[in-house]
N, C-alpha and C. Protein backbone atom coordinates (compact mmCIF):
# COMPACT_ATOMS: atom_id res chain seq x y z
N MET A 1 0.82 -1.21 -0.01
CA MET A 1 0.01 0.01 0.01
C MET A 1 0.88 1.25 0.00
N ASP A 2 0.52 2.21 -0.84
CA ASP A 2 1.27 3.49 -0.91
C ASP A 2 0.59 4.44 0.05
N TYR A 3 1.10 4.52 1.28
CA TYR A 3 0.47 5.32 2.32
C TYR A 3 0.53 6.82 1.97
N VAL A 4 1.62 7.24 1.34
CA VAL A 4 1.76 8.64 1.01
C VAL A 4 0.71 9.07 -0.02
N GLU A 5 0.56 8.26 -1.05
CA GLU A 5 -0.46 8.54 -2.08
C GLU A 5 -1.87 8.55 -1.48
N LEU A 6 -2.12 7.57 -0.61
CA LEU A 6 -3.43 7.49 0.04
C LEU A 6 -3.66 8.71 0.96
N ALA A 7 -2.66 9.13 1.66
CA ALA A 7 -2.80 10.32 2.54
C ALA A 7 -3.17 11.55 1.76
N ILE A 8 -2.50 11.76 0.63
CA ILE A 8 -2.78 12.93 -0.18
C ILE A 8 -4.13 12.85 -0.88
N LYS A 9 -4.44 11.66 -1.43
CA LYS A 9 -5.67 11.42 -2.12
C LYS A 9 -6.87 11.59 -1.17
N SER A 10 -6.68 11.22 0.07
CA SER A 10 -7.80 11.23 1.05
C SER A 10 -8.10 12.63 1.57
N GLY A 11 -7.24 13.61 1.32
CA GLY A 11 -7.54 15.02 1.63
C GLY A 11 -6.95 15.51 2.95
N GLY A 12 -6.30 14.67 3.71
CA GLY A 12 -5.73 15.10 4.99
C GLY A 12 -4.38 15.80 4.82
N PHE A 13 -3.75 15.58 3.68
CA PHE A 13 -2.43 16.20 3.40
C PHE A 13 -2.40 16.66 1.95
N MET A 14 -1.40 17.48 1.61
CA MET A 14 -1.23 18.02 0.28
C MET A 14 0.06 17.47 -0.34
N ALA A 15 0.25 17.69 -1.63
CA ALA A 15 1.40 17.17 -2.34
C ALA A 15 2.71 17.68 -1.72
N MET A 16 2.71 18.92 -1.24
CA MET A 16 3.95 19.45 -0.66
C MET A 16 4.32 18.77 0.66
N ASP A 17 3.41 17.95 1.18
CA ASP A 17 3.72 17.21 2.40
C ASP A 17 4.37 15.87 2.16
N LYS A 18 4.70 15.56 0.93
CA LYS A 18 5.20 14.21 0.58
C LYS A 18 6.44 13.82 1.36
N THR A 19 7.44 14.65 1.35
CA THR A 19 8.68 14.32 2.08
C THR A 19 8.43 14.16 3.58
N PHE A 20 7.65 15.09 4.10
CA PHE A 20 7.24 14.99 5.52
C PHE A 20 6.59 13.66 5.82
N LEU A 21 5.64 13.27 4.96
CA LEU A 21 4.91 12.00 5.19
C LEU A 21 5.86 10.80 5.14
N ILE A 22 6.73 10.80 4.15
CA ILE A 22 7.67 9.68 4.00
C ILE A 22 8.48 9.50 5.28
N ASN A 23 9.00 10.62 5.80
CA ASN A 23 9.81 10.55 7.01
C ASN A 23 9.02 10.14 8.25
N ARG A 24 7.80 10.71 8.37
CA ARG A 24 7.00 10.38 9.55
C ARG A 24 6.54 8.93 9.51
N LEU A 25 6.09 8.48 8.34
CA LEU A 25 5.58 7.14 8.24
C LEU A 25 6.64 6.07 8.40
N ASP A 26 7.86 6.38 8.07
CA ASP A 26 9.00 5.45 8.25
C ASP A 26 9.23 5.16 9.74
N ASN A 27 8.79 6.05 10.60
CA ASN A 27 8.98 5.85 12.02
C ASN A 27 7.78 5.15 12.70
N LEU A 28 6.78 4.82 11.93
CA LEU A 28 5.63 4.11 12.53
C LEU A 28 5.73 2.63 12.24
N PRO A 29 5.47 1.80 13.22
CA PRO A 29 5.81 0.35 13.14
C PRO A 29 4.89 -0.51 12.28
N ASP A 30 3.62 -0.17 12.14
CA ASP A 30 2.75 -1.11 11.44
C ASP A 30 1.66 -0.37 10.68
N GLU A 31 0.88 -1.14 9.92
CA GLU A 31 -0.16 -0.56 9.08
C GLU A 31 -1.21 0.19 9.91
N ARG A 32 -1.58 -0.37 11.04
CA ARG A 32 -2.62 0.22 11.89
C ARG A 32 -2.23 1.64 12.28
N GLU A 33 -0.99 1.84 12.74
CA GLU A 33 -0.55 3.17 13.14
C GLU A 33 -0.40 4.11 11.97
N LYS A 34 0.04 3.58 10.82
CA LYS A 34 0.19 4.41 9.65
C LYS A 34 -1.18 4.92 9.13
N LEU A 35 -2.14 4.00 9.09
CA LEU A 35 -3.47 4.44 8.67
C LEU A 35 -4.11 5.44 9.61
N ALA A 36 -3.87 5.21 10.89
CA ALA A 36 -4.40 6.14 11.92
C ALA A 36 -3.75 7.53 11.75
N TYR A 37 -2.50 7.56 11.35
CA TYR A 37 -1.79 8.85 11.18
C TYR A 37 -2.28 9.61 9.98
N ILE A 38 -2.56 8.90 8.88
CA ILE A 38 -2.94 9.60 7.64
C ILE A 38 -4.42 9.77 7.46
N MET A 39 -5.23 9.15 8.29
CA MET A 39 -6.67 9.28 8.19
C MET A 39 -7.07 10.74 8.43
N PRO A 40 -7.77 11.37 7.52
CA PRO A 40 -8.15 12.77 7.70
C PRO A 40 -9.04 12.94 8.93
N PRO A 41 -8.96 14.09 9.60
CA PRO A 41 -9.82 14.34 10.75
C PRO A 41 -11.27 14.45 10.32
N ALA A 42 -12.17 14.35 11.30
CA ALA A 42 -13.58 14.38 11.02
C ALA A 42 -14.03 15.66 10.30
N SER A 43 -13.44 16.78 10.67
CA SER A 43 -13.82 18.05 10.07
C SER A 43 -13.57 18.10 8.55
N VAL A 44 -12.41 17.50 8.14
CA VAL A 44 -12.08 17.46 6.71
C VAL A 44 -13.02 16.52 5.98
N ILE A 45 -13.29 15.34 6.50
CA ILE A 45 -14.13 14.37 5.86
C ILE A 45 -15.56 14.91 5.70
N ASN A 46 -16.06 15.53 6.77
CA ASN A 46 -17.38 16.07 6.67
C ASN A 46 -17.52 17.25 5.72
N ALA A 47 -16.46 18.04 5.64
CA ALA A 47 -16.45 19.16 4.67
C ALA A 47 -16.42 18.65 3.24
N TYR A 48 -15.61 17.61 2.95
CA TYR A 48 -15.57 16.99 1.63
C TYR A 48 -16.96 16.41 1.29
N PHE A 49 -17.51 15.65 2.22
CA PHE A 49 -18.82 15.01 2.02
C PHE A 49 -19.92 16.06 1.69
N SER A 50 -19.94 17.13 2.50
CA SER A 50 -20.94 18.18 2.27
C SER A 50 -20.77 18.83 0.92
N GLU A 51 -19.53 19.12 0.56
CA GLU A 51 -19.27 19.79 -0.74
C GLU A 51 -19.71 18.88 -1.90
N ILE A 52 -19.36 17.60 -1.83
CA ILE A 52 -19.72 16.66 -2.90
C ILE A 52 -21.24 16.50 -2.95
N TYR A 53 -21.87 16.41 -1.77
CA TYR A 53 -23.35 16.27 -1.75
C TYR A 53 -24.00 17.45 -2.41
N GLN A 54 -23.54 18.67 -2.09
CA GLN A 54 -24.16 19.88 -2.65
C GLN A 54 -23.92 20.01 -4.17
N LYS A 55 -22.76 19.63 -4.62
CA LYS A 55 -22.39 19.82 -6.05
C LYS A 55 -22.76 18.63 -6.94
N GLN A 56 -22.68 17.40 -6.38
CA GLN A 56 -22.83 16.23 -7.22
C GLN A 56 -23.98 15.33 -6.79
N GLY A 57 -24.50 15.53 -5.61
CA GLY A 57 -25.61 14.74 -5.16
C GLY A 57 -25.26 13.66 -4.14
N ALA A 58 -26.33 13.05 -3.61
CA ALA A 58 -26.16 12.08 -2.52
C ALA A 58 -25.33 10.89 -2.90
N ARG A 59 -25.56 10.36 -4.09
CA ARG A 59 -24.88 9.13 -4.51
C ARG A 59 -23.34 9.35 -4.59
N ALA A 60 -22.94 10.48 -5.15
CA ALA A 60 -21.51 10.78 -5.26
C ALA A 60 -20.92 10.96 -3.89
N ALA A 61 -21.64 11.56 -2.96
CA ALA A 61 -21.12 11.82 -1.61
C ALA A 61 -20.94 10.49 -0.85
N THR A 62 -21.92 9.61 -0.95
CA THR A 62 -21.78 8.35 -0.26
C THR A 62 -20.74 7.43 -0.95
N ASP A 63 -20.58 7.56 -2.24
CA ASP A 63 -19.52 6.85 -2.95
C ASP A 63 -18.12 7.27 -2.45
N TYR A 64 -17.96 8.58 -2.24
CA TYR A 64 -16.71 9.11 -1.66
C TYR A 64 -16.44 8.51 -0.29
N PHE A 65 -17.48 8.51 0.57
CA PHE A 65 -17.27 8.06 1.92
C PHE A 65 -17.11 6.55 1.99
N LEU A 66 -17.75 5.81 1.09
CA LEU A 66 -17.56 4.38 1.05
C LEU A 66 -16.15 4.03 0.62
N SER A 67 -15.63 4.72 -0.39
CA SER A 67 -14.25 4.50 -0.85
C SER A 67 -13.26 4.75 0.30
N LEU A 68 -13.48 5.84 1.01
CA LEU A 68 -12.61 6.20 2.14
C LEU A 68 -12.71 5.11 3.21
N SER A 69 -13.90 4.65 3.48
CA SER A 69 -14.14 3.64 4.52
C SER A 69 -13.45 2.32 4.13
N ILE A 70 -13.51 1.96 2.90
CA ILE A 70 -12.86 0.71 2.43
C ILE A 70 -11.33 0.83 2.58
N ASN A 71 -10.78 1.97 2.15
CA ASN A 71 -9.34 2.16 2.19
C ASN A 71 -8.79 2.11 3.64
N PHE A 72 -9.61 2.63 4.57
CA PHE A 72 -9.11 2.73 5.94
C PHE A 72 -9.78 1.69 6.88
N GLY A 73 -10.60 0.80 6.36
CA GLY A 73 -11.29 -0.16 7.23
C GLY A 73 -12.22 0.51 8.18
N ASN A 74 -12.88 1.59 7.73
CA ASN A 74 -13.73 2.41 8.60
C ASN A 74 -15.16 1.86 8.64
N PHE A 75 -15.31 0.73 9.28
CA PHE A 75 -16.65 0.12 9.40
C PHE A 75 -17.01 -0.14 10.87
N SER A 76 -18.26 -0.08 11.20
CA SER A 76 -18.67 -0.40 12.54
C SER A 76 -20.12 -0.83 12.55
N SER A 77 -20.44 -1.91 13.29
CA SER A 77 -21.80 -2.34 13.47
C SER A 77 -22.40 -1.78 14.77
N HIS A 78 -21.58 -1.13 15.58
CA HIS A 78 -22.06 -0.50 16.80
C HIS A 78 -21.44 0.89 16.95
N PRO A 79 -21.72 1.77 16.03
CA PRO A 79 -21.09 3.12 16.04
C PRO A 79 -21.67 3.99 17.15
N SER A 80 -20.84 4.97 17.54
CA SER A 80 -21.32 5.97 18.52
C SER A 80 -20.46 7.22 18.37
N PHE A 81 -20.94 8.28 18.89
CA PHE A 81 -20.22 9.58 18.81
C PHE A 81 -18.93 9.52 19.60
N GLU A 82 -18.83 8.61 20.57
CA GLU A 82 -17.70 8.59 21.47
C GLU A 82 -16.51 7.75 20.87
N LEU A 83 -16.68 7.09 19.76
CA LEU A 83 -15.65 6.22 19.26
C LEU A 83 -14.49 6.92 18.55
N GLU A 84 -14.74 8.09 17.96
CA GLU A 84 -13.75 8.78 17.22
C GLU A 84 -12.49 9.11 18.09
N GLY A 85 -11.33 8.67 17.55
CA GLY A 85 -10.09 8.97 18.23
C GLY A 85 -9.71 8.04 19.35
N THR A 86 -10.55 7.02 19.63
CA THR A 86 -10.21 6.07 20.70
C THR A 86 -9.12 5.14 20.22
N ALA A 87 -8.37 4.58 21.15
CA ALA A 87 -7.28 3.65 20.83
C ALA A 87 -7.79 2.43 20.07
N GLY A 88 -8.97 1.98 20.42
CA GLY A 88 -9.49 0.79 19.76
C GLY A 88 -10.06 1.03 18.40
N HIS A 89 -10.32 2.27 18.05
CA HIS A 89 -10.94 2.61 16.76
C HIS A 89 -10.26 3.87 16.18
N PRO A 90 -8.94 3.76 15.88
CA PRO A 90 -8.19 4.98 15.51
C PRO A 90 -8.60 5.57 14.15
N THR A 91 -9.19 4.78 13.28
CA THR A 91 -9.60 5.29 11.95
C THR A 91 -11.11 5.50 11.83
N PHE A 92 -11.83 5.35 12.94
CA PHE A 92 -13.27 5.49 12.82
C PHE A 92 -13.67 6.95 12.62
N ARG A 93 -14.45 7.20 11.55
CA ARG A 93 -14.99 8.53 11.30
C ARG A 93 -16.45 8.32 10.85
N PHE A 94 -17.26 9.37 11.04
CA PHE A 94 -18.63 9.29 10.56
C PHE A 94 -19.08 10.63 10.06
N ILE A 95 -20.18 10.65 9.31
CA ILE A 95 -20.73 11.88 8.77
C ILE A 95 -21.80 12.42 9.74
N ARG A 96 -21.67 13.68 10.03
CA ARG A 96 -22.63 14.31 10.93
C ARG A 96 -23.89 14.67 10.17
N LEU A 97 -25.07 14.40 10.77
CA LEU A 97 -26.34 14.73 10.21
C LEU A 97 -27.16 15.48 11.23
N ASN A 98 -27.97 16.42 10.77
CA ASN A 98 -28.92 17.13 11.61
C ASN A 98 -30.30 16.69 11.14
N LEU A 99 -31.01 15.94 11.99
CA LEU A 99 -32.32 15.46 11.64
C LEU A 99 -33.31 15.96 12.67
N SER A 100 -34.23 16.80 12.22
CA SER A 100 -35.24 17.40 13.09
C SER A 100 -34.62 18.11 14.27
N GLY A 101 -33.45 18.73 14.05
CA GLY A 101 -32.82 19.49 15.11
C GLY A 101 -31.95 18.68 16.06
N TYR A 102 -31.81 17.37 15.78
CA TYR A 102 -31.01 16.52 16.65
C TYR A 102 -29.79 15.96 15.94
N SER A 103 -28.77 15.62 16.69
CA SER A 103 -27.48 15.16 16.11
C SER A 103 -27.53 13.64 15.84
N PHE A 104 -27.21 13.32 14.58
CA PHE A 104 -27.11 11.90 14.21
C PHE A 104 -25.78 11.70 13.44
N GLY A 105 -25.41 10.46 13.32
CA GLY A 105 -24.20 10.09 12.53
C GLY A 105 -24.56 9.10 11.47
N PHE A 106 -23.77 9.07 10.44
CA PHE A 106 -23.91 8.11 9.34
C PHE A 106 -22.54 7.42 9.09
N CYS A 107 -22.58 6.11 9.07
CA CYS A 107 -21.34 5.38 8.74
C CYS A 107 -21.73 4.10 8.05
N PHE A 108 -20.73 3.41 7.50
CA PHE A 108 -20.97 2.16 6.85
C PHE A 108 -20.70 0.98 7.82
N GLU A 109 -21.55 0.01 7.75
CA GLU A 109 -21.39 -1.20 8.57
C GLU A 109 -20.37 -2.18 7.88
N ASN A 110 -20.38 -2.20 6.57
CA ASN A 110 -19.54 -3.10 5.84
C ASN A 110 -19.22 -2.56 4.48
N ALA A 111 -18.40 -3.31 3.73
CA ALA A 111 -17.96 -2.88 2.37
C ALA A 111 -19.01 -3.14 1.31
N THR A 112 -20.08 -3.84 1.69
CA THR A 112 -21.17 -4.08 0.71
C THR A 112 -22.22 -2.94 0.76
N GLU A 113 -21.87 -1.90 1.45
CA GLU A 113 -22.64 -0.64 1.42
C GLU A 113 -23.93 -0.67 2.29
N THR A 114 -23.96 -1.51 3.30
CA THR A 114 -24.95 -1.34 4.33
C THR A 114 -24.52 -0.23 5.25
N ALA A 115 -25.39 0.76 5.44
CA ALA A 115 -25.04 1.93 6.28
C ALA A 115 -25.91 1.96 7.52
N ILE A 116 -25.44 2.66 8.52
CA ILE A 116 -26.15 2.84 9.78
C ILE A 116 -26.27 4.34 10.09
N VAL A 117 -27.44 4.75 10.54
CA VAL A 117 -27.63 6.10 11.05
C VAL A 117 -27.91 5.95 12.55
N PHE A 118 -27.16 6.66 13.34
CA PHE A 118 -27.24 6.52 14.81
C PHE A 118 -27.32 7.91 15.46
N SER A 119 -28.01 7.93 16.59
CA SER A 119 -28.24 9.18 17.26
C SER A 119 -27.16 9.42 18.34
N GLU A 120 -26.87 10.70 18.57
CA GLU A 120 -25.93 11.04 19.64
C GLU A 120 -26.52 10.68 21.00
N PHE A 121 -27.82 10.86 21.12
CA PHE A 121 -28.54 10.58 22.36
C PHE A 121 -29.69 9.61 22.03
N GLU A 122 -30.20 9.00 23.06
CA GLU A 122 -31.29 8.04 22.87
C GLU A 122 -32.50 8.71 22.20
N THR A 123 -33.05 8.04 21.22
CA THR A 123 -34.16 8.64 20.50
C THR A 123 -35.16 7.54 20.08
N ILE A 124 -36.38 7.94 19.82
CA ILE A 124 -37.41 7.02 19.32
C ILE A 124 -37.32 6.97 17.78
N ILE A 125 -37.28 5.76 17.28
CA ILE A 125 -37.25 5.60 15.81
C ILE A 125 -38.70 5.60 15.27
N SER A 126 -39.00 6.64 14.52
CA SER A 126 -40.37 6.80 14.02
C SER A 126 -40.36 6.74 12.47
N ASP A 127 -41.52 6.55 11.89
CA ASP A 127 -41.59 6.59 10.42
C ASP A 127 -41.18 7.97 9.87
N THR A 128 -41.49 8.99 10.66
CA THR A 128 -41.11 10.35 10.24
C THR A 128 -39.59 10.51 10.14
N LEU A 129 -38.88 9.93 11.11
CA LEU A 129 -37.44 9.94 11.11
C LEU A 129 -36.88 9.16 9.94
N LEU A 130 -37.44 7.98 9.69
CA LEU A 130 -36.95 7.15 8.56
C LEU A 130 -37.23 7.88 7.25
N PHE A 131 -38.33 8.59 7.15
CA PHE A 131 -38.66 9.33 5.91
C PHE A 131 -37.67 10.44 5.71
N GLU A 132 -37.32 11.15 6.78
CA GLU A 132 -36.34 12.24 6.71
C GLU A 132 -34.99 11.75 6.18
N ILE A 133 -34.60 10.57 6.67
CA ILE A 133 -33.32 9.99 6.21
C ILE A 133 -33.43 9.55 4.75
N ALA A 134 -34.58 8.99 4.39
CA ALA A 134 -34.79 8.58 2.97
C ALA A 134 -34.74 9.77 2.02
N GLN A 135 -35.18 10.91 2.49
CA GLN A 135 -35.09 12.14 1.65
C GLN A 135 -33.62 12.51 1.38
N LEU A 136 -32.78 12.34 2.36
CA LEU A 136 -31.34 12.67 2.24
C LEU A 136 -30.61 11.73 1.33
N PHE A 137 -31.00 10.43 1.37
CA PHE A 137 -30.28 9.38 0.65
C PHE A 137 -31.26 8.57 -0.23
N PRO A 138 -31.70 9.13 -1.33
CA PRO A 138 -32.74 8.45 -2.19
C PRO A 138 -32.26 7.17 -2.83
N GLN A 139 -30.96 6.92 -2.85
CA GLN A 139 -30.45 5.69 -3.49
C GLN A 139 -30.59 4.47 -2.59
N TYR A 140 -30.94 4.70 -1.33
CA TYR A 140 -31.05 3.59 -0.38
C TYR A 140 -32.47 3.38 0.10
N ALA A 141 -32.75 2.13 0.47
CA ALA A 141 -33.94 1.82 1.23
C ALA A 141 -33.62 1.98 2.70
N VAL A 142 -34.48 2.61 3.46
CA VAL A 142 -34.24 2.90 4.88
C VAL A 142 -35.14 2.00 5.73
N TYR A 143 -34.61 1.39 6.74
CA TYR A 143 -35.44 0.46 7.54
C TYR A 143 -34.87 0.35 8.94
N GLU A 144 -35.66 -0.25 9.82
CA GLU A 144 -35.25 -0.47 11.19
C GLU A 144 -35.02 -1.98 11.39
N GLU A 145 -33.86 -2.28 12.03
CA GLU A 145 -33.52 -3.70 12.27
C GLU A 145 -32.97 -3.78 13.68
N ASN A 146 -33.69 -4.46 14.55
CA ASN A 146 -33.27 -4.62 15.94
C ASN A 146 -32.94 -3.25 16.58
N SER A 147 -33.84 -2.29 16.40
CA SER A 147 -33.71 -0.96 16.97
C SER A 147 -32.55 -0.16 16.42
N VAL A 148 -32.08 -0.53 15.28
CA VAL A 148 -30.98 0.17 14.57
C VAL A 148 -31.50 0.62 13.22
N ILE A 149 -31.24 1.88 12.82
CA ILE A 149 -31.61 2.41 11.54
C ILE A 149 -30.58 2.00 10.53
N LYS A 150 -30.96 1.33 9.48
CA LYS A 150 -30.06 0.88 8.44
C LYS A 150 -30.48 1.37 7.07
N LEU A 151 -29.51 1.49 6.18
CA LEU A 151 -29.74 1.90 4.79
C LEU A 151 -29.02 0.92 3.90
N LYS A 152 -29.66 0.57 2.77
CA LYS A 152 -29.06 -0.39 1.88
C LYS A 152 -29.67 -0.28 0.50
N LYS A 153 -28.84 -0.53 -0.51
CA LYS A 153 -29.38 -0.59 -1.91
C LYS A 153 -30.06 -2.00 -2.03
N ILE A 154 -31.34 -1.97 -2.41
CA ILE A 154 -32.06 -3.22 -2.53
C ILE A 154 -32.78 -3.28 -3.84
N ASP A 155 -32.65 -4.34 -4.54
CA ASP A 155 -33.43 -4.59 -5.75
C ASP A 155 -34.70 -5.33 -5.35
N PHE A 156 -35.78 -4.61 -5.35
CA PHE A 156 -37.06 -5.17 -4.90
C PHE A 156 -37.74 -6.01 -5.98
N GLY A 157 -37.24 -5.96 -7.22
CA GLY A 157 -37.83 -6.75 -8.29
C GLY A 157 -38.92 -6.00 -8.99
N ILE A 158 -39.65 -6.73 -9.84
CA ILE A 158 -40.72 -6.18 -10.64
C ILE A 158 -42.04 -6.33 -9.90
N PHE A 159 -42.85 -5.24 -9.90
CA PHE A 159 -44.13 -5.24 -9.26
C PHE A 159 -45.27 -5.25 -10.28
N GLU A 160 -46.33 -5.96 -9.93
CA GLU A 160 -47.49 -6.04 -10.82
C GLU A 160 -48.73 -5.74 -9.98
N ASN A 161 -49.85 -5.91 -10.64
CA ASN A 161 -51.18 -5.75 -9.94
C ASN A 161 -51.32 -4.38 -9.31
N VAL A 162 -51.11 -3.33 -10.04
CA VAL A 162 -51.20 -1.97 -9.52
C VAL A 162 -52.65 -1.64 -9.22
N GLU A 163 -52.90 -1.16 -8.02
CA GLU A 163 -54.25 -0.82 -7.56
C GLU A 163 -54.23 0.61 -7.07
N GLU A 164 -55.08 1.45 -7.60
CA GLU A 164 -55.16 2.86 -7.15
C GLU A 164 -56.05 2.88 -5.89
N LEU A 165 -55.42 3.26 -4.78
CA LEU A 165 -56.13 3.31 -3.51
C LEU A 165 -56.82 4.66 -3.30
N THR A 166 -56.17 5.74 -3.70
CA THR A 166 -56.73 7.09 -3.65
C THR A 166 -56.24 7.79 -4.93
N THR A 167 -56.52 9.06 -5.01
CA THR A 167 -56.09 9.81 -6.20
C THR A 167 -54.56 9.87 -6.27
N LEU A 168 -53.88 9.92 -5.07
CA LEU A 168 -52.45 10.10 -5.11
C LEU A 168 -51.65 8.89 -4.59
N THR A 169 -52.32 7.84 -4.14
CA THR A 169 -51.63 6.70 -3.59
C THR A 169 -52.05 5.38 -4.25
N SER A 170 -51.06 4.54 -4.53
CA SER A 170 -51.38 3.25 -5.20
C SER A 170 -50.68 2.12 -4.46
N LYS A 171 -51.05 0.88 -4.80
CA LYS A 171 -50.45 -0.28 -4.21
C LYS A 171 -50.15 -1.29 -5.33
N SER A 172 -49.07 -1.98 -5.20
CA SER A 172 -48.77 -3.13 -6.06
C SER A 172 -47.99 -4.16 -5.27
N ASP A 173 -47.72 -5.30 -5.90
CA ASP A 173 -47.02 -6.37 -5.13
C ASP A 173 -46.25 -7.27 -6.06
N ASN A 174 -45.41 -8.09 -5.44
CA ASN A 174 -44.76 -9.22 -6.13
C ASN A 174 -44.71 -10.33 -5.14
N THR A 175 -43.89 -11.35 -5.39
CA THR A 175 -43.89 -12.52 -4.52
C THR A 175 -43.32 -12.23 -3.13
N ALA A 176 -42.51 -11.20 -3.04
CA ALA A 176 -41.82 -10.93 -1.77
C ALA A 176 -42.32 -9.72 -0.98
N TYR A 177 -42.87 -8.71 -1.72
CA TYR A 177 -43.21 -7.44 -1.08
C TYR A 177 -44.56 -6.89 -1.53
N LEU A 178 -45.16 -6.12 -0.59
CA LEU A 178 -46.21 -5.18 -0.93
C LEU A 178 -45.55 -3.83 -1.12
N LYS A 179 -46.02 -3.08 -2.11
CA LYS A 179 -45.46 -1.73 -2.32
C LYS A 179 -46.56 -0.70 -2.29
N PHE A 180 -46.37 0.30 -1.46
CA PHE A 180 -47.31 1.45 -1.42
C PHE A 180 -46.50 2.66 -1.91
N PHE A 181 -47.10 3.44 -2.79
CA PHE A 181 -46.33 4.58 -3.34
C PHE A 181 -47.29 5.71 -3.72
N GLY A 182 -46.73 6.91 -3.70
CA GLY A 182 -47.50 8.09 -4.06
C GLY A 182 -46.79 9.37 -3.69
N TYR A 183 -47.48 10.49 -3.95
CA TYR A 183 -46.88 11.79 -3.75
C TYR A 183 -47.34 12.47 -2.46
N ASN A 184 -48.37 11.92 -1.82
CA ASN A 184 -48.82 12.47 -0.54
C ASN A 184 -48.20 11.66 0.56
N VAL A 185 -47.11 12.18 1.15
CA VAL A 185 -46.30 11.44 2.10
C VAL A 185 -47.13 10.94 3.29
N ALA A 186 -47.88 11.85 3.89
CA ALA A 186 -48.68 11.49 5.07
C ALA A 186 -49.67 10.37 4.76
N GLU A 187 -50.28 10.46 3.58
CA GLU A 187 -51.26 9.48 3.20
C GLU A 187 -50.63 8.11 2.97
N VAL A 188 -49.52 8.08 2.29
CA VAL A 188 -48.85 6.82 2.01
C VAL A 188 -48.37 6.16 3.28
N LEU A 189 -47.85 6.95 4.22
CA LEU A 189 -47.42 6.44 5.52
C LEU A 189 -48.58 5.87 6.30
N GLU A 190 -49.68 6.56 6.25
CA GLU A 190 -50.89 6.13 7.03
C GLU A 190 -51.43 4.80 6.47
N ILE A 191 -51.55 4.73 5.16
CA ILE A 191 -52.08 3.53 4.52
C ILE A 191 -51.18 2.32 4.77
N ALA A 192 -49.88 2.56 4.58
CA ALA A 192 -48.91 1.47 4.73
C ALA A 192 -48.88 1.00 6.20
N THR A 193 -49.01 1.92 7.16
CA THR A 193 -48.98 1.53 8.56
C THR A 193 -50.16 0.61 8.91
N LYS A 194 -51.28 0.83 8.29
CA LYS A 194 -52.46 0.00 8.56
C LYS A 194 -52.34 -1.38 7.90
N SER A 195 -51.36 -1.54 7.02
CA SER A 195 -51.31 -2.75 6.25
C SER A 195 -50.17 -3.73 6.65
N GLY A 196 -49.40 -3.39 7.66
CA GLY A 196 -48.32 -4.27 8.03
C GLY A 196 -47.56 -3.79 9.24
N ASN A 197 -46.71 -4.66 9.80
CA ASN A 197 -45.88 -4.35 10.93
C ASN A 197 -44.86 -3.25 10.54
N ARG A 198 -44.74 -2.22 11.35
CA ARG A 198 -43.80 -1.10 11.03
C ARG A 198 -42.39 -1.60 10.93
N LEU A 199 -42.00 -2.66 11.68
CA LEU A 199 -40.66 -3.14 11.62
C LEU A 199 -40.34 -3.89 10.31
N GLN A 200 -41.37 -4.17 9.53
CA GLN A 200 -41.15 -4.80 8.24
C GLN A 200 -40.99 -3.80 7.10
N LYS A 201 -41.20 -2.50 7.43
CA LYS A 201 -41.18 -1.48 6.38
C LYS A 201 -39.80 -1.13 5.92
N MET A 202 -39.68 -0.86 4.62
CA MET A 202 -38.48 -0.30 4.04
C MET A 202 -38.97 0.93 3.25
N ILE A 203 -38.37 2.07 3.53
CA ILE A 203 -38.81 3.34 2.95
C ILE A 203 -37.79 3.88 1.96
N GLN A 204 -38.33 4.35 0.85
CA GLN A 204 -37.46 4.98 -0.16
C GLN A 204 -38.18 6.19 -0.70
N TYR A 205 -37.42 7.25 -0.99
CA TYR A 205 -38.02 8.52 -1.46
C TYR A 205 -37.18 9.02 -2.64
N GLU A 206 -37.82 9.11 -3.79
CA GLU A 206 -37.09 9.52 -4.99
C GLU A 206 -38.03 10.21 -5.95
N ASP A 207 -37.54 11.30 -6.54
CA ASP A 207 -38.33 12.10 -7.51
C ASP A 207 -39.68 12.55 -6.90
N LYS A 208 -39.61 12.96 -5.62
CA LYS A 208 -40.77 13.41 -4.88
C LYS A 208 -41.87 12.37 -4.65
N LYS A 209 -41.50 11.11 -4.85
CA LYS A 209 -42.45 10.00 -4.60
C LYS A 209 -41.96 9.16 -3.44
N LEU A 210 -42.88 8.89 -2.50
CA LEU A 210 -42.56 8.02 -1.37
C LEU A 210 -42.96 6.59 -1.72
N MET A 211 -42.06 5.66 -1.48
CA MET A 211 -42.31 4.24 -1.73
C MET A 211 -42.05 3.50 -0.45
N ILE A 212 -43.00 2.72 -0.01
CA ILE A 212 -42.87 1.89 1.18
C ILE A 212 -43.02 0.44 0.78
N TYR A 213 -42.04 -0.38 1.14
CA TYR A 213 -42.07 -1.82 0.87
C TYR A 213 -42.28 -2.55 2.14
N ILE A 214 -43.20 -3.50 2.14
CA ILE A 214 -43.45 -4.34 3.31
C ILE A 214 -43.27 -5.78 2.92
N ALA A 215 -42.37 -6.46 3.61
CA ALA A 215 -42.10 -7.86 3.34
C ALA A 215 -43.34 -8.70 3.64
N LYS A 216 -43.65 -9.62 2.76
CA LYS A 216 -44.80 -10.52 2.98
C LYS A 216 -44.45 -11.59 3.98
């Protein structure tokens, strides 16, 4: 692994730091310490993420953070705000989110792009919260699993048997899922809630249309 190239590419250092990096990294004993040294601080990563999100969109921003996470092994199935900088997790970083005025974090659980959104403080997971997250990341389905908010790219397959429930809300299905979709968010949420267990819901929001998938 070319640690100097990775350090510069990741944004924590600049090209003029090359000699400095070579000398400093030569004094570090192993990969773990070298990665910890060159991992950009949270402020830099969040600034990059925000800039990419604003200029190129959510998919480009999460692609950037996924690439960074893969390069540095930045994955966690039990993330928290207290992990950054700890001896046990020297390369752990996460993206700060403000959801309904409260502090949340976003990180990847694994290299297959399952993500976790976690709160700084204890919070109730509601459909409204899941919808707010789905608005930020339209490329993912958002769902709750064992009291943890997760995001994942899911191919739900082809749906048939479209039924118009109201003027703005419809339903369709396939062998695995019921799908409720429409442009009136409150209405789609209400109808879907009456049709299945909330913990089975997966929420996606794209092109101003809310889609809720319920596993059969």
